[in-house]
């Protein structure tokens, strides 16, 4: 009986190994085929919000008003549309959306959207960004803020809307705007820098496991996950954090000089009404209300750059995301 079980286990192990080999071969083939094809490009989508609002209004009126009144409304709208077309001078508002994660992944689509808008926008137009982010790694949010600076550099009015949260790296982006709007209970601020990571040195010692690390450069590594951290390394890391924090504060003061930076750059966060008193924002209003209000006087276009992920990326996405999260643990975060 034990021999039969052993044979079954051996057979199962061999079958599992063969299955793994087949999967590796298939993934390799897909990767090689993907390399031979033209790289999939993203697609810019444009949604004319005025048209969307008009269609929704007509849909409701068709059900709630009499046929006579509804036809009269449609006739009136057509007359107004003719007047607008003759004027041909209405302001354009380009609406972008940024949902920020720890790595500010949306910066890849943001840069494409901004480039597209800058090809057509003029200083008489406006770029509006609906921003939602609780912060993340420094270099990624620095790039996101730099993308918004491209708009300001061309003297195109930039308006940021914070309906939920723009904290830390999120506020690093928001402060670039000409005008910042926020909902009454939106979370704003958290102007600070943090680095956090576990250290397993004592655990490895208990298990009699040696950890060796070789570097060229005195501060190539300041603190480490597995090695013994030194006071010199900790001190150097603290200096680096303070330098990044100062750069963060300098950027805010460049665009919002009326802020009391000592008061707001403590790492604390505030709700919309409180942030208004501290000059972190300019107006209390939701993005939905602003868009509806502006649709009476301007043409609004929602711009989005969408990228279709290749099959292999989808297949390997979960493991890739896990690996990236582990790498992010030891990085500087504006959060």
C-alpha atoms as a PDB file:
ATOM      1  CA  UNK A   1       0.000   0.000   0.000  1.00  0.00           C
ATOM      2  CA  UNK A   2       2.743   2.543   0.835  1.00  0.00           C
ATOM      3  CA  UNK A   3       4.416   1.722  -2.523  1.00  0.00           C
ATOM      4  CA  UNK A   4       1.192   2.590  -4.381  1.00  0.00           C
ATOM      5  CA  UNK A   5       0.902   5.916  -2.564  1.00  0.00           C
ATOM      6  CA  UNK A   6       4.533   6.682  -3.332  1.00  0.00           C
ATOM      7  CA  UNK A   7       4.002   5.900  -7.003  1.00  0.00           C
ATOM      8  CA  UNK A   8       0.894   8.133  -7.075  1.00  0.00           C
ATOM      9  CA  UNK A   9       2.844  10.987  -5.464  1.00  0.00           C
ATOM     10  CA  UNK A  10       5.678  10.590  -7.969  1.00  0.00           C
ATOM     11  CA  UNK A  11       3.191  10.524 -10.860  1.00  0.00           C
ATOM     12  CA  UNK A  12       1.428  13.632  -9.544  1.00  0.00           C
ATOM     13  CA  UNK A  13       4.740  15.457  -9.128  1.00  0.00           C
ATOM     14  CA  UNK A  14       5.803  14.611 -12.666  1.00  0.00           C
ATOM     15  CA  UNK A  15       2.425  15.733 -14.044  1.00  0.00           C
ATOM     16  CA  UNK A  16       2.705  19.038 -12.144  1.00  0.00           C
ATOM     17  CA  UNK A  17       6.254  19.629 -13.436  1.00  0.00           C
ATOM     18  CA  UNK A  18       5.116  18.947 -17.023  1.00  0.00           C
ATOM     19  CA  UNK A  19       2.175  21.350 -16.604  1.00  0.00           C
ATOM     20  CA  UNK A  20       4.480  24.089 -15.288  1.00  0.00           C
ATOM     21  CA  UNK A  21       6.882  23.570 -18.197  1.00  0.00           C
ATOM     22  CA  UNK A  22       3.991  23.819 -20.691  1.00  0.00           C
ATOM     23  CA  UNK A  23       2.784  27.058 -19.069  1.00  0.00           C
ATOM     24  CA  UNK A  24       6.303  28.542 -19.185  1.00  0.00           C
ATOM     25  CA  UNK A  25       6.595  27.626 -22.875  1.00  0.00           C
ATOM     26  CA  UNK A  26       3.188  29.177 -23.652  1.00  0.00           C
ATOM     27  CA  UNK A  27       4.022  32.406 -21.792  1.00  0.00           C
ATOM     28  CA  UNK A  28       7.389  32.598 -23.586  1.00  0.00           C
ATOM     29  CA  UNK A  29       5.704  32.107 -26.974  1.00  0.00           C
ATOM     30  CA  UNK A  30       3.143  34.817 -26.226  1.00  0.00           C
ATOM     31  CA  UNK A  31       5.954  37.164 -25.178  1.00  0.00           C
ATOM     32  CA  UNK A  32       7.934  36.461 -28.368  1.00  0.00           C
ATOM     33  CA  UNK A  33       4.853  36.930 -30.553  1.00  0.00           C
ATOM     34  CA  UNK A  34       4.107  40.184 -28.755  1.00  0.00           C
ATOM     35  CA  UNK A  35       7.581  41.510 -29.530  1.00  0.00           C
ATOM     36  CA  UNK A  36       7.068  40.873 -33.213  1.00  0.00           C
ATOM     37  CA  UNK A  37       3.879  42.911 -33.355  1.00  0.00           C
ATOM     38  CA  UNK A  38       3.513  46.667 -33.438  1.00  0.00           C
ATOM     39  CA  UNK A  39       3.271  48.067 -29.934  1.00  0.00           C
ATOM     40  CA  UNK A  40      -0.316  48.780 -28.921  1.00  0.00           C
ATOM     41  CA  UNK A  41      -0.886  52.498 -28.608  1.00  0.00           C
ATOM     42  CA  UNK A  42      -3.409  54.270 -26.465  1.00  0.00           C
ATOM     43  CA  UNK A  43      -6.500  56.011 -27.723  1.00  0.00           C
ATOM     44  CA  UNK A  44      -7.663  59.525 -26.879  1.00  0.00           C
ATOM     45  CA  UNK A  45     -11.394  59.714 -26.118  1.00  0.00           C
ATOM     46  CA  UNK A  46     -13.338  62.983 -26.062  1.00  0.00           C
ATOM     47  CA  UNK A  47     -16.734  63.434 -24.445  1.00  0.00           C
ATOM     48  CA  UNK A  48     -18.585  66.692 -25.188  1.00  0.00           C
ATOM     49  CA  UNK A  49     -20.226  67.329 -21.814  1.00  0.00           C
ATOM     50  CA  UNK A  50     -22.580  70.045 -23.092  1.00  0.00           C
ATOM     51  CA  UNK A  51     -24.062  67.516 -25.495  1.00  0.00           C
ATOM     52  CA  UNK A  52     -24.347  64.929 -22.733  1.00  0.00           C
ATOM     53  CA  UNK A  53     -26.185  67.380 -20.448  1.00  0.00           C
ATOM     54  CA  UNK A  54     -28.483  68.375 -23.302  1.00  0.00           C
ATOM     55  CA  UNK A  55     -29.382  64.757 -24.077  1.00  0.00           C
ATOM     56  CA  UNK A  56     -30.098  64.020 -20.410  1.00  0.00           C
ATOM     57  CA  UNK A  57     -32.282  67.128 -20.109  1.00  0.00           C
ATOM     58  CA  UNK A  58     -34.272  66.200 -23.209  1.00  0.00           C
ATOM     59  CA  UNK A  59     -34.726  62.659 -21.932  1.00  0.00           C
ATOM     60  CA  UNK A  60     -36.243  63.896 -18.661  1.00  0.00           C
ATOM     61  CA  UNK A  61     -38.403  66.576 -20.320  1.00  0.00           C
ATOM     62  CA  UNK A  62     -39.759  64.095 -22.865  1.00  0.00           C
ATOM     63  CA  UNK A  63     -41.213  62.136 -19.951  1.00  0.00           C
ATOM     64  CA  UNK A  64     -42.278  64.971 -17.656  1.00  0.00           C
ATOM     65  CA  UNK A  65     -43.592  67.654 -20.047  1.00  0.00           C
ATOM     66  CA  UNK A  66     -46.401  67.673 -22.580  1.00  0.00           C
ATOM     67  CA  UNK A  67     -45.505  67.098 -26.254  1.00  0.00           C
ATOM     68  CA  UNK A  68     -46.305  70.733 -27.012  1.00  0.00           C
ATOM     69  CA  UNK A  69     -43.987  72.099 -24.349  1.00  0.00           C
ATOM     70  CA  UNK A  70     -41.249  69.603 -25.236  1.00  0.00           C
ATOM     71  CA  UNK A  71     -41.310  70.555 -28.931  1.00  0.00           C
ATOM     72  CA  UNK A  72     -41.198  74.229 -27.962  1.00  0.00           C
ATOM     73  CA  UNK A  73     -38.133  73.509 -25.823  1.00  0.00           C
ATOM     74  CA  UNK A  74     -36.378  71.683 -28.669  1.00  0.00           C
ATOM     75  CA  UNK A  75     -37.120  74.549 -31.042  1.00  0.00           C
ATOM     76  CA  UNK A  76     -35.690  77.035 -28.557  1.00  0.00           C
ATOM     77  CA  UNK A  77     -32.532  74.950 -28.097  1.00  0.00           C
ATOM     78  CA  UNK A  78     -31.943  74.748 -31.850  1.00  0.00           C
ATOM     79  CA  UNK A  79     -32.229  78.542 -32.125  1.00  0.00           C
ATOM     80  CA  UNK A  80     -29.727  79.002 -29.281  1.00  0.00           C
ATOM     81  CA  UNK A  81     -27.366  76.503 -30.896  1.00  0.00           C
ATOM     82  CA  UNK A  82     -27.385  78.507 -34.147  1.00  0.00           C
ATOM     83  CA  UNK A  83     -26.459  81.643 -32.224  1.00  0.00           C
ATOM     84  CA  UNK A  84     -23.592  79.831 -30.480  1.00  0.00           C
ATOM     85  CA  UNK A  85     -22.235  78.536 -33.790  1.00  0.00           C
ATOM     86  CA  UNK A  86     -22.279  82.036 -35.282  1.00  0.00           C
ATOM     87  CA  UNK A  87     -20.479  83.461 -32.277  1.00  0.00           C
ATOM     88  CA  UNK A  88     -17.682  80.844 -32.582  1.00  0.00           C
ATOM     89  CA  UNK A  89     -15.868  82.392 -29.639  1.00  0.00           C
ATOM     90  CA  UNK A  90     -16.995  80.391 -26.646  1.00  0.00           C
ATOM     91  CA  UNK A  91     -14.415  79.410 -24.078  1.00  0.00           C
ATOM     92  CA  UNK A  92     -13.239  75.783 -24.092  1.00  0.00           C
ATOM     93  CA  UNK A  93     -12.760  73.913 -20.820  1.00  0.00           C
ATOM     94  CA  UNK A  94     -10.820  70.659 -21.035  1.00  0.00           C
ATOM     95  CA  UNK A  95     -11.711  68.310 -18.175  1.00  0.00           C
ATOM     96  CA  UNK A  96      -9.112  65.754 -17.047  1.00  0.00           C
ATOM     97  CA  UNK A  97      -9.319  63.202 -14.227  1.00  0.00           C
ATOM     98  CA  UNK A  98      -6.428  61.962 -12.086  1.00  0.00           C
ATOM     99  CA  UNK A  99      -6.945  59.059  -9.656  1.00  0.00           C
ATOM    100  CA  UNK A 100      -3.626  58.648  -7.865  1.00  0.00           C
ATOM    101  CA  UNK A 101      -2.340  55.449  -6.299  1.00  0.00           C
ATOM    102  CA  UNK A 102       0.897  54.985  -4.324  1.00  0.00           C
ATOM    103  CA  UNK A 103       2.975  54.985  -7.534  1.00  0.00           C
ATOM    104  CA  UNK A 104       0.979  57.755  -9.287  1.00  0.00           C
ATOM    105  CA  UNK A 105       0.422  55.274 -12.134  1.00  0.00           C
ATOM    106  CA  UNK A 106      -2.083  57.642 -13.769  1.00  0.00           C
ATOM    107  CA  UNK A 107       0.772  60.024 -14.663  1.00  0.00           C
ATOM    108  CA  UNK A 108       1.358  57.893 -17.771  1.00  0.00           C
ATOM    109  CA  UNK A 109      -2.068  58.818 -19.153  1.00  0.00           C
ATOM    110  CA  UNK A 110      -1.976  62.348 -17.699  1.00  0.00           C
ATOM    111  CA  UNK A 111       1.109  63.261 -19.721  1.00  0.00           C
ATOM    112  CA  UNK A 112      -0.605  62.110 -22.949  1.00  0.00           C
ATOM    113  CA  UNK A 113      -3.796  64.012 -22.135  1.00  0.00           C
ATOM    114  CA  UNK A 114      -1.918  67.221 -21.335  1.00  0.00           C
ATOM    115  CA  UNK A 115       0.197  66.976 -24.490  1.00  0.00           C
ATOM    116  CA  UNK A 116      -2.975  66.591 -26.583  1.00  0.00           C
ATOM    117  CA  UNK A 117      -4.674  69.549 -24.884  1.00  0.00           C
ATOM    118  CA  UNK A 118      -1.634  71.812 -25.196  1.00  0.00           C
ATOM    119  CA  UNK A 119      -1.729  71.357 -28.970  1.00  0.00           C
ATOM    120  CA  UNK A 120      -5.090  73.169 -29.143  1.00  0.00           C
ATOM    121  CA  UNK A 121      -5.656  75.144 -25.927  1.00  0.00           C
ATOM    122  CA  UNK A 122      -5.061  78.896 -25.722  1.00  0.00           C
ATOM    123  CA  UNK A 123      -4.796  81.293 -22.756  1.00  0.00           C
ATOM    124  CA  UNK A 124      -8.500  82.094 -23.230  1.00  0.00           C
ATOM    125  CA  UNK A 125      -9.387  78.448 -22.497  1.00  0.00           C
ATOM    126  CA  UNK A 126      -9.082  76.492 -19.251  1.00  0.00           C
ATOM    127  CA  UNK A 127      -7.803  73.107 -18.126  1.00  0.00           C
ATOM    128  CA  UNK A 128      -9.720  71.566 -15.259  1.00  0.00           C
ATOM    129  CA  UNK A 129      -8.360  68.555 -13.347  1.00  0.00           C
ATOM    130  CA  UNK A 130     -10.445  66.430 -11.024  1.00  0.00           C
ATOM    131  CA  UNK A 131      -7.778  65.238  -8.618  1.00  0.00           C
ATOM    132  CA  UNK A 132      -8.031  62.422  -6.103  1.00  0.00           C
ATOM    133  CA  UNK A 133      -4.927  61.143  -4.315  1.00  0.00           C
ATOM    134  CA  UNK A 134      -3.709  60.400  -0.801  1.00  0.00           C
ATOM    135  CA  UNK A 135      -0.056  60.602  -1.890  1.00  0.00           C
ATOM    136  CA  UNK A 136       2.719  58.186  -2.716  1.00  0.00           C
ATOM    137  CA  UNK A 137       6.330  57.963  -3.877  1.00  0.00           C
ATOM    138  CA  UNK A 138       8.219  61.227  -4.346  1.00  0.00           C
ATOM    139  CA  UNK A 139       9.604  60.806  -7.855  1.00  0.00           C
ATOM    140  CA  UNK A 140       6.244  59.782  -9.350  1.00  0.00           C
ATOM    141  CA  UNK A 141       4.256  62.629  -7.819  1.00  0.00           C
ATOM    142  CA  UNK A 142       7.059  65.034  -8.686  1.00  0.00           C
ATOM    143  CA  UNK A 143       6.595  64.059 -12.332  1.00  0.00           C
ATOM    144  CA  UNK A 144       2.802  64.439 -12.033  1.00  0.00           C
ATOM    145  CA  UNK A 145       3.225  67.967 -10.642  1.00  0.00           C
ATOM    146  CA  UNK A 146       5.681  68.748 -13.458  1.00  0.00           C
ATOM    147  CA  UNK A 147       3.040  67.734 -16.015  1.00  0.00           C
ATOM    148  CA  UNK A 148       0.655  70.303 -14.521  1.00  0.00           C
ATOM    149  CA  UNK A 149       3.417  72.900 -14.562  1.00  0.00           C
ATOM    150  CA  UNK A 150       3.513  72.527 -18.355  1.00  0.00           C
ATOM    151  CA  UNK A 151       0.005  74.016 -18.446  1.00  0.00           C
ATOM    152  CA  UNK A 152       0.946  76.958 -16.233  1.00  0.00           C
ATOM    153  CA  UNK A 153       4.086  77.606 -18.300  1.00  0.00           C
ATOM    154  CA  UNK A 154       1.883  78.304 -21.344  1.00  0.00           C
ATOM    155  CA  UNK A 155      -0.320  80.755 -19.405  1.00  0.00           C
ATOM    156  CA  UNK A 156      -3.372  78.509 -19.738  1.00  0.00           C
ATOM    157  CA  UNK A 157      -5.580  78.775 -16.627  1.00  0.00           C
ATOM    158  CA  UNK A 158      -5.371  75.581 -14.553  1.00  0.00           C
ATOM    159  CA  UNK A 159      -8.157  74.724 -12.114  1.00  0.00           C
ATOM    160  CA  UNK A 160      -7.882  71.821  -9.680  1.00  0.00           C
ATOM    161  CA  UNK A 161     -10.912  70.213  -8.023  1.00  0.00           C
ATOM    162  CA  UNK A 162     -10.610  68.120  -4.873  1.00  0.00           C
ATOM    163  CA  UNK A 163     -13.889  66.308  -4.279  1.00  0.00           C
ATOM    164  CA  UNK A 164     -12.489  63.699  -1.867  1.00  0.00           C
ATOM    165  CA  UNK A 165      -8.782  63.903  -1.057  1.00  0.00           C
ATOM    166  CA  UNK A 166      -5.573  65.635  -2.146  1.00  0.00           C
ATOM    167  CA  UNK A 167      -3.064  64.886   0.556  1.00  0.00           C
ATOM    168  CA  UNK A 168       0.716  64.839   0.484  1.00  0.00           C
ATOM    169  CA  UNK A 169       1.709  63.968  -3.104  1.00  0.00           C
ATOM    170  CA  UNK A 170      -1.847  64.848  -4.093  1.00  0.00           C
ATOM    171  CA  UNK A 171      -1.413  68.350  -2.700  1.00  0.00           C
ATOM    172  CA  UNK A 172       2.041  68.559  -4.324  1.00  0.00           C
ATOM    173  CA  UNK A 173       0.086  68.410  -7.591  1.00  0.00           C
ATOM    174  CA  UNK A 174      -2.838  70.593  -6.496  1.00  0.00           C
ATOM    175  CA  UNK A 175      -0.726  73.543  -5.364  1.00  0.00           C
ATOM    176  CA  UNK A 176       0.390  74.159  -8.966  1.00  0.00           C
ATOM    177  CA  UNK A 177      -3.113  75.339  -9.967  1.00  0.00           C
ATOM    178  CA  UNK A 178      -4.218  78.933 -10.503  1.00  0.00           C
ATOM    179  CA  UNK A 179      -7.322  78.135  -8.459  1.00  0.00           C
ATOM    180  CA  UNK A 180      -8.055  75.205  -6.132  1.00  0.00           C
ATOM    181  CA  UNK A 181     -11.654  74.190  -5.439  1.00  0.00           C
ATOM    182  CA  UNK A 182     -12.642  71.600  -2.828  1.00  0.00           C
ATOM    183  CA  UNK A 183     -15.764  69.964  -1.459  1.00  0.00           C
ATOM    184  CA  UNK A 184     -16.625  70.944   2.150  1.00  0.00           C
ATOM    185  CA  UNK A 185     -15.372  67.672   3.636  1.00  0.00           C
ATOM    186  CA  UNK A 186     -12.512  66.916   1.244  1.00  0.00           C
ATOM    187  CA  UNK A 187      -9.230  65.947   2.940  1.00  0.00           C
ATOM    188  CA  UNK A 188      -6.380  68.335   2.151  1.00  0.00           C
ATOM    189  CA  UNK A 189      -2.789  68.803   3.329  1.00  0.00           C
ATOM    190  CA  UNK A 190      -0.496  66.201   4.903  1.00  0.00           C
ATOM    191  CA  UNK A 191       2.497  68.224   3.717  1.00  0.00           C
ATOM    192  CA  UNK A 192       5.354  66.012   4.847  1.00  0.00           C
ATOM    193  CA  UNK A 193       7.665  63.131   3.940  1.00  0.00           C
ATOM    194  CA  UNK A 194       7.921  59.661   5.464  1.00  0.00           C
ATOM    195  CA  UNK A 195      10.146  56.626   4.991  1.00  0.00           C
ATOM    196  CA  UNK A 196       9.178  53.401   6.705  1.00  0.00           C
ATOM    197  CA  UNK A 197      10.411  49.838   6.392  1.00  0.00           C
ATOM    198  CA  UNK A 198      10.824  46.806   8.641  1.00  0.00           C
ATOM    199  CA  UNK A 199      14.224  45.582   9.843  1.00  0.00           C
ATOM    200  CA  UNK A 200      14.785  41.844  10.250  1.00  0.00           C
ATOM    201  CA  UNK A 201      18.364  41.992  11.509  1.00  0.00           C
ATOM    202  CA  UNK A 202      17.673  40.652  15.026  1.00  0.00           C
ATOM    203  CA  UNK A 203      15.423  37.904  13.663  1.00  0.00           C
ATOM    204  CA  UNK A 204      18.194  36.753  11.313  1.00  0.00           C
ATOM    205  CA  UNK A 205      20.669  36.784  14.213  1.00  0.00           C
ATOM    206  CA  UNK A 206      18.360  34.583  16.298  1.00  0.00           C
ATOM    207  CA  UNK A 207      18.177  32.113  13.421  1.00  0.00           C
ATOM    208  CA  UNK A 208      21.976  32.275  12.896  1.00  0.00           C
ATOM    209  CA  UNK A 209      21.564  33.667   9.383  1.00  0.00           C
ATOM    210  CA  UNK A 210      24.248  36.023   8.103  1.00  0.00           C
ATOM    211  CA  UNK A 211      23.404  38.975   5.850  1.00  0.00           C
ATOM    212  CA  UNK A 212      26.151  40.526   3.753  1.00  0.00           C
ATOM    213  CA  UNK A 213      25.973  43.716   1.733  1.00  0.00           C
ATOM    214  CA  UNK A 214      28.736  45.413  -0.258  1.00  0.00           C
ATOM    215  CA  UNK A 215      28.542  49.027  -1.444  1.00  0.00           C
ATOM    216  CA  UNK A 216      30.809  51.582  -3.106  1.00  0.00           C
ATOM    217  CA  UNK A 217      30.047  55.029  -1.717  1.00  0.00           C
ATOM    218  CA  UNK A 218      29.687  55.922   1.928  1.00  0.00           C
ATOM    219  CA  UNK A 219      25.938  56.452   1.783  1.00  0.00           C
ATOM    220  CA  UNK A 220      24.946  54.159  -1.070  1.00  0.00           C
ATOM    221  CA  UNK A 221      22.711  52.532   1.548  1.00  0.00           C
ATOM    222  CA  UNK A 222      21.594  54.499   4.605  1.00  0.00           C
ATOM    223  CA  UNK A 223      19.160  52.045   6.164  1.00  0.00           C
ATOM    224  CA  UNK A 224      18.485  48.454   5.201  1.00  0.00           C
ATOM    225  CA  UNK A 225      15.830  45.794   5.712  1.00  0.00           C
ATOM    226  CA  UNK A 226      18.136  42.905   6.635  1.00  0.00           C
ATOM    227  CA  UNK A 227      21.397  44.450   7.821  1.00  0.00           C
ATOM    228  CA  UNK A 228      22.234  46.298  11.032  1.00  0.00           C
ATOM    229  CA  UNK A 229      21.372  49.988  10.752  1.00  0.00           C
ATOM    230  CA  UNK A 230      23.863  52.544  12.067  1.00  0.00           C
ATOM    231  CA  UNK A 231      23.350  55.939  13.659  1.00  0.00           C
ATOM    232  CA  UNK A 232      25.292  57.517  10.784  1.00  0.00           C
ATOM    233  CA  UNK A 233      22.940  55.917   8.286  1.00  0.00           C
ATOM    234  CA  UNK A 234      19.857  57.037  10.210  1.00  0.00           C
ATOM    235  CA  UNK A 235      21.197  60.593  10.455  1.00  0.00           C
ATOM    236  CA  UNK A 236      21.920  60.732   6.732  1.00  0.00           C
ATOM    237  CA  UNK A 237      18.447  59.431   5.899  1.00  0.00           C
ATOM    238  CA  UNK A 238      16.873  62.077   8.129  1.00  0.00           C
ATOM    239  CA  UNK A 239      18.844  64.770   6.289  1.00  0.00           C
ATOM    240  CA  UNK A 240      17.576  63.461   2.957  1.00  0.00           C
ATOM    241  CA  UNK A 241      13.982  63.488   4.229  1.00  0.00           C
ATOM    242  CA  UNK A 242      14.344  67.075   5.439  1.00  0.00           C
ATOM    243  CA  UNK A 243      15.755  68.118   2.042  1.00  0.00           C
ATOM    244  CA  UNK A 244      12.763  66.619   0.217  1.00  0.00           C
ATOM    245  CA  UNK A 245      10.378  68.268   2.674  1.00  0.00           C
ATOM    246  CA  UNK A 246      12.016  71.644   2.012  1.00  0.00           C
ATOM    247  CA  UNK A 247      11.645  71.192  -1.749  1.00  0.00           C
ATOM    248  CA  UNK A 248       7.963  70.352  -1.184  1.00  0.00           C
ATOM    249  CA  UNK A 249       7.494  73.561   0.837  1.00  0.00           C
ATOM    250  CA  UNK A 250       9.377  75.632  -1.733  1.00  0.00           C
ATOM    251  CA  UNK A 251       7.100  74.413  -4.531  1.00  0.00           C
ATOM    252  CA  UNK A 252       4.007  75.362  -2.519  1.00  0.00           C
ATOM    253  CA  UNK A 253       5.384  78.841  -1.815  1.00  0.00           C
ATOM    254  CA  UNK A 254       6.199  79.345  -5.508  1.00  0.00           C
ATOM    255  CA  UNK A 255       2.532  78.973  -6.431  1.00  0.00           C
ATOM    256  CA  UNK A 256       0.789  79.965  -3.183  1.00  0.00           C
ATOM    257  CA  UNK A 257       2.962  82.634  -1.514  1.00  0.00           C
ATOM    258  CA  UNK A 258       0.169  83.721   0.862  1.00  0.00           C
ATOM    259  CA  UNK A 259       0.338  80.432   2.773  1.00  0.00           C
ATOM    260  CA  UNK A 260       1.858  80.335   6.248  1.00  0.00           C
ATOM    261  CA  UNK A 261       4.113  77.418   5.369  1.00  0.00           C
ATOM    262  CA  UNK A 262       5.297  76.837   8.935  1.00  0.00           C
ATOM    263  CA  UNK A 263       1.699  76.366  10.053  1.00  0.00           C
ATOM    264  CA  UNK A 264       0.594  74.004   7.278  1.00  0.00           C
ATOM    265  CA  UNK A 265       3.739  71.923   6.591  1.00  0.00           C
ATOM    266  CA  UNK A 266       3.479  69.828   9.756  1.00  0.00           C
ATOM    267  CA  UNK A 267       2.147  66.661   8.144  1.00  0.00           C
ATOM    268  CA  UNK A 268      -1.385  67.379   9.391  1.00  0.00           C
ATOM    269  CA  UNK A 269      -4.443  67.344   7.152  1.00  0.00           C
ATOM    270  CA  UNK A 270      -7.585  69.482   7.172  1.00  0.00           C
ATOM    271  CA  UNK A 271     -11.116  69.313   5.811  1.00  0.00           C
ATOM    272  CA  UNK A 272     -12.233  71.671   3.057  1.00  0.00           C
ATOM    273  CA  UNK A 273     -13.680  74.440   5.248  1.00  0.00           C
ATOM    274  CA  UNK A 274     -10.565  74.478   7.432  1.00  0.00           C
ATOM    275  CA  UNK A 275      -8.243  74.365   4.415  1.00  0.00           C
ATOM    276  CA  UNK A 276      -9.972  77.460   3.025  1.00  0.00           C
ATOM    277  CA  UNK A 277      -9.091  79.467   6.146  1.00  0.00           C
ATOM    278  CA  UNK A 278      -5.458  78.329   5.837  1.00  0.00           C
ATOM    279  CA  UNK A 279      -5.298  79.406   2.160  1.00  0.00           C
ATOM    280  CA  UNK A 280      -4.602  75.814   1.076  1.00  0.00           C
ATOM    281  CA  UNK A 281      -7.590  76.157  -1.291  1.00  0.00           C
ATOM    282  CA  UNK A 282      -9.508  79.090  -2.789  1.00  0.00           C
ATOM    283  CA  UNK A 283     -13.163  78.093  -3.139  1.00  0.00           C
ATOM    284  CA  UNK A 284     -15.606  75.605  -1.601  1.00  0.00           C
ATOM    285  CA  UNK A 285     -17.460  73.958  -4.473  1.00  0.00           C
ATOM    286  CA  UNK A 286     -17.776  70.485  -5.993  1.00  0.00           C
ATOM    287  CA  UNK A 287     -16.548  69.737  -9.497  1.00  0.00           C
ATOM    288  CA  UNK A 288     -20.042  68.647 -10.599  1.00  0.00           C
ATOM    289  CA  UNK A 289     -21.569  71.978  -9.633  1.00  0.00           C
ATOM    290  CA  UNK A 290     -18.779  73.913 -11.370  1.00  0.00           C
ATOM    291  CA  UNK A 291     -19.097  71.916 -14.594  1.00  0.00           C
ATOM    292  CA  UNK A 292     -22.875  72.378 -14.715  1.00  0.00           C
ATOM    293  CA  UNK A 293     -22.476  76.095 -14.026  1.00  0.00           C
ATOM    294  CA  UNK A 294     -19.788  76.570 -16.693  1.00  0.00           C
ATOM    295  CA  UNK A 295     -21.734  74.609 -19.308  1.00  0.00           C
ATOM    296  CA  UNK A 296     -24.042  77.633 -19.704  1.00  0.00           C
ATOM    297  CA  UNK A 297     -21.165  79.833 -20.885  1.00  0.00           C
ATOM    298  CA  UNK A 298     -18.450  77.491 -22.200  1.00  0.00           C
ATOM    299  CA  UNK A 299     -17.909  74.306 -24.184  1.00  0.00           C
ATOM    300  CA  UNK A 300     -16.668  71.489 -21.957  1.00  0.00           C
ATOM    301  CA  UNK A 301     -14.744  68.485 -23.254  1.00  0.00           C
ATOM    302  CA  UNK A 302     -13.817  65.527 -21.066  1.00  0.00           C
ATOM    303  CA  UNK A 303     -10.456  64.168 -22.262  1.00  0.00           C
ATOM    304  CA  UNK A 304      -9.173  60.690 -21.417  1.00  0.00           C
ATOM    305  CA  UNK A 305      -6.268  58.664 -22.789  1.00  0.00           C
ATOM    306  CA  UNK A 306      -7.039  54.958 -22.639  1.00  0.00           C
ATOM    307  CA  UNK A 307      -4.466  52.219 -23.118  1.00  0.00           C
ATOM    308  CA  UNK A 308      -5.454  48.646 -23.882  1.00  0.00           C
ATOM    309  CA  UNK A 309      -3.163  46.312 -21.959  1.00  0.00           C
ATOM    310  CA  UNK A 310      -1.565  43.462 -23.951  1.00  0.00           C
ATOM    311  CA  UNK A 311      -2.597  39.931 -23.005  1.00  0.00           C
ATOM    312  CA  UNK A 312       0.772  39.138 -21.403  1.00  0.00           C
ATOM    313  CA  UNK A 313       0.590  42.233 -19.195  1.00  0.00           C
ATOM    314  CA  UNK A 314      -2.825  41.164 -17.936  1.00  0.00           C
ATOM    315  CA  UNK A 315      -1.545  37.636 -17.339  1.00  0.00           C
ATOM    316  CA  UNK A 316       1.461  38.836 -15.360  1.00  0.00           C
ATOM    317  CA  UNK A 317      -0.259  41.849 -13.805  1.00  0.00           C
ATOM    318  CA  UNK A 318      -0.904  40.427 -10.339  1.00  0.00           C
ATOM    319  CA  UNK A 319       2.647  39.239  -9.731  1.00  0.00           C
ATOM    320  CA  UNK A 320       4.033  42.466 -11.172  1.00  0.00           C
ATOM    321  CA  UNK A 321       1.896  44.585  -8.881  1.00  0.00           C
ATOM    322  CA  UNK A 322       2.965  42.567  -5.844  1.00  0.00           C
ATOM    323  CA  UNK A 323       6.635  42.963  -6.769  1.00  0.00           C
ATOM    324  CA  UNK A 324       6.181  46.704  -7.270  1.00  0.00           C
ATOM    325  CA  UNK A 325       4.473  47.103  -3.889  1.00  0.00           C
ATOM    326  CA  UNK A 326       7.377  45.358  -2.181  1.00  0.00           C
ATOM    327  CA  UNK A 327       9.816  47.695  -3.943  1.00  0.00           C
ATOM    328  CA  UNK A 328       7.753  50.730  -2.908  1.00  0.00           C
ATOM    329  CA  UNK A 329       8.095  49.858   0.783  1.00  0.00           C
ATOM    330  CA  UNK A 330      11.648  51.186   0.962  1.00  0.00           C
ATOM    331  CA  UNK A 331      11.103  54.315  -1.143  1.00  0.00           C
ATOM    332  CA  UNK A 332      10.565  57.879  -0.045  1.00  0.00           C
ATOM    333  CA  UNK A 333       6.913  58.792   0.151  1.00  0.00           C
ATOM    334  CA  UNK A 334       5.309  62.216   0.262  1.00  0.00           C
ATOM    335  CA  UNK A 335       2.499  61.099   2.502  1.00  0.00           C
END
